[in-house]
């Protein structure tokens, strides 16, 4: 890949990310946006999954108002993989 193509690819990625952030800005209230930002720092793959879910829900018309923090928590619970609980019974 030549240098101009690499620069074009990088610019395209930045544009796509900026567009995603604009959409998320309209889909989340302030507290929910802050929660998603905090999650992105700790679990970027979970934040990306939530963002993809929100963007697809908005594009299909299922979201028509900004989500609250409580609603985002419910979405996070439904998306997160359940943790396995192991119990060792020693007799």
C-alpha atoms as a PDB file:
ATOM      1  CA  UNK A   1       0.000   0.000   0.000  1.00  0.00           C
ATOM      2  CA  UNK A   2       1.384   3.385  -0.884  1.00  0.00           C
ATOM      3  CA  UNK A   3       1.613   6.268   1.561  1.00  0.00           C
ATOM      4  CA  UNK A   4      -1.315   8.268   0.079  1.00  0.00           C
ATOM      5  CA  UNK A   5      -3.609   5.232   0.295  1.00  0.00           C
ATOM      6  CA  UNK A   6      -2.642   4.652   3.932  1.00  0.00           C
ATOM      7  CA  UNK A   7      -3.432   8.270   4.716  1.00  0.00           C
ATOM      8  CA  UNK A   8      -6.782   7.996   2.921  1.00  0.00           C
ATOM      9  CA  UNK A   9      -7.654   4.854   4.867  1.00  0.00           C
ATOM     10  CA  UNK A  10      -6.784   6.545   8.151  1.00  0.00           C
ATOM     11  CA  UNK A  11      -8.848   9.618   7.246  1.00  0.00           C
ATOM     12  CA  UNK A  12     -11.785   7.397   6.303  1.00  0.00           C
ATOM     13  CA  UNK A  13     -11.561   5.568   9.653  1.00  0.00           C
ATOM     14  CA  UNK A  14     -11.560   8.893  11.504  1.00  0.00           C
ATOM     15  CA  UNK A  15     -14.594  10.059   9.517  1.00  0.00           C
ATOM     16  CA  UNK A  16     -16.494   6.857  10.288  1.00  0.00           C
ATOM     17  CA  UNK A  17     -15.647   7.118  13.990  1.00  0.00           C
ATOM     18  CA  UNK A  18     -16.717  10.776  14.073  1.00  0.00           C
ATOM     19  CA  UNK A  19     -20.019   9.860  12.426  1.00  0.00           C
ATOM     20  CA  UNK A  20     -20.563   7.085  14.998  1.00  0.00           C
ATOM     21  CA  UNK A  21     -19.905   9.522  17.825  1.00  0.00           C
ATOM     22  CA  UNK A  22     -22.387  12.040  16.372  1.00  0.00           C
ATOM     23  CA  UNK A  23     -25.073   9.376  16.175  1.00  0.00           C
ATOM     24  CA  UNK A  24     -24.354   8.218  19.733  1.00  0.00           C
ATOM     25  CA  UNK A  25     -24.485  11.822  20.915  1.00  0.00           C
ATOM     26  CA  UNK A  26     -28.101  11.994  19.779  1.00  0.00           C
ATOM     27  CA  UNK A  27     -28.975   8.522  21.151  1.00  0.00           C
ATOM     28  CA  UNK A  28     -27.725   8.908  24.736  1.00  0.00           C
ATOM     29  CA  UNK A  29     -28.316  11.433  27.483  1.00  0.00           C
ATOM     30  CA  UNK A  30     -25.359  12.922  29.380  1.00  0.00           C
ATOM     31  CA  UNK A  31     -25.135  10.276  32.126  1.00  0.00           C
ATOM     32  CA  UNK A  32     -25.492   7.398  29.665  1.00  0.00           C
ATOM     33  CA  UNK A  33     -22.769   8.880  27.438  1.00  0.00           C
ATOM     34  CA  UNK A  34     -20.453   9.175  30.452  1.00  0.00           C
ATOM     35  CA  UNK A  35     -21.143   5.556  31.423  1.00  0.00           C
ATOM     36  CA  UNK A  36     -20.375   4.360  27.891  1.00  0.00           C
ATOM     37  CA  UNK A  37     -17.152   6.385  27.893  1.00  0.00           C
ATOM     38  CA  UNK A  38     -16.107   4.774  31.183  1.00  0.00           C
ATOM     39  CA  UNK A  39     -16.921   1.320  29.826  1.00  0.00           C
ATOM     40  CA  UNK A  40     -14.874   2.035  26.697  1.00  0.00           C
ATOM     41  CA  UNK A  41     -11.818   2.634  28.908  1.00  0.00           C
ATOM     42  CA  UNK A  42     -12.206  -0.690  30.724  1.00  0.00           C
ATOM     43  CA  UNK A  43     -13.849  -2.972  28.153  1.00  0.00           C
ATOM     44  CA  UNK A  44     -13.537  -1.542  24.639  1.00  0.00           C
ATOM     45  CA  UNK A  45     -15.088  -4.647  23.043  1.00  0.00           C
ATOM     46  CA  UNK A  46     -18.222  -4.324  25.207  1.00  0.00           C
ATOM     47  CA  UNK A  47     -18.503  -0.613  24.404  1.00  0.00           C
ATOM     48  CA  UNK A  48     -18.207  -1.369  20.685  1.00  0.00           C
ATOM     49  CA  UNK A  49     -20.923  -4.032  20.954  1.00  0.00           C
ATOM     50  CA  UNK A  50     -23.244  -1.591  22.739  1.00  0.00           C
ATOM     51  CA  UNK A  51     -22.517   1.156  20.202  1.00  0.00           C
ATOM     52  CA  UNK A  52     -23.233  -1.196  17.295  1.00  0.00           C
ATOM     53  CA  UNK A  53     -26.480  -2.299  18.943  1.00  0.00           C
ATOM     54  CA  UNK A  54     -27.598   1.291  19.549  1.00  0.00           C
ATOM     55  CA  UNK A  55     -26.745   2.422  16.019  1.00  0.00           C
ATOM     56  CA  UNK A  56     -28.552  -0.527  14.435  1.00  0.00           C
ATOM     57  CA  UNK A  57     -31.592   0.028  16.699  1.00  0.00           C
ATOM     58  CA  UNK A  58     -31.696   3.701  15.736  1.00  0.00           C
ATOM     59  CA  UNK A  59     -31.329   2.988  12.020  1.00  0.00           C
ATOM     60  CA  UNK A  60     -34.193   0.482  12.147  1.00  0.00           C
ATOM     61  CA  UNK A  61     -36.415   2.998  13.943  1.00  0.00           C
ATOM     62  CA  UNK A  62     -36.558   1.284  17.345  1.00  0.00           C
ATOM     63  CA  UNK A  63     -34.958   4.270  19.115  1.00  0.00           C
ATOM     64  CA  UNK A  64     -36.656   7.605  18.762  1.00  0.00           C
ATOM     65  CA  UNK A  65     -35.434   9.445  21.861  1.00  0.00           C
ATOM     66  CA  UNK A  66     -32.219   9.632  23.901  1.00  0.00           C
ATOM     67  CA  UNK A  67     -31.698   6.708  26.256  1.00  0.00           C
ATOM     68  CA  UNK A  68     -31.265   7.314  29.975  1.00  0.00           C
ATOM     69  CA  UNK A  69     -28.508   5.832  32.092  1.00  0.00           C
ATOM     70  CA  UNK A  70     -30.933   3.255  33.524  1.00  0.00           C
ATOM     71  CA  UNK A  71     -31.962   2.127  30.042  1.00  0.00           C
ATOM     72  CA  UNK A  72     -28.313   1.848  29.021  1.00  0.00           C
ATOM     73  CA  UNK A  73     -27.656  -0.305  32.110  1.00  0.00           C
ATOM     74  CA  UNK A  74     -30.415  -2.685  30.994  1.00  0.00           C
ATOM     75  CA  UNK A  75     -28.886  -2.914  27.519  1.00  0.00           C
ATOM     76  CA  UNK A  76     -25.469  -3.582  29.035  1.00  0.00           C
ATOM     77  CA  UNK A  77     -26.890  -6.386  31.161  1.00  0.00           C
ATOM     78  CA  UNK A  78     -28.527  -7.987  28.150  1.00  0.00           C
ATOM     79  CA  UNK A  79     -25.387  -7.751  25.990  1.00  0.00           C
ATOM     80  CA  UNK A  80     -22.791  -8.864  28.541  1.00  0.00           C
ATOM     81  CA  UNK A  81     -21.915 -12.503  28.580  1.00  0.00           C
ATOM     82  CA  UNK A  82     -23.149 -14.156  31.768  1.00  0.00           C
ATOM     83  CA  UNK A  83     -20.337 -14.974  34.131  1.00  0.00           C
ATOM     84  CA  UNK A  84     -19.999 -18.607  34.998  1.00  0.00           C
ATOM     85  CA  UNK A  85     -20.149 -19.397  38.639  1.00  0.00           C
ATOM     86  CA  UNK A  86     -18.116 -22.378  39.724  1.00  0.00           C
ATOM     87  CA  UNK A  87     -18.795 -24.078  43.004  1.00  0.00           C
ATOM     88  CA  UNK A  88     -16.398 -26.642  44.351  1.00  0.00           C
ATOM     89  CA  UNK A  89     -18.013 -28.991  46.807  1.00  0.00           C
ATOM     90  CA  UNK A  90     -15.428 -30.690  48.979  1.00  0.00           C
ATOM     91  CA  UNK A  91     -16.646 -33.466  51.215  1.00  0.00           C
END
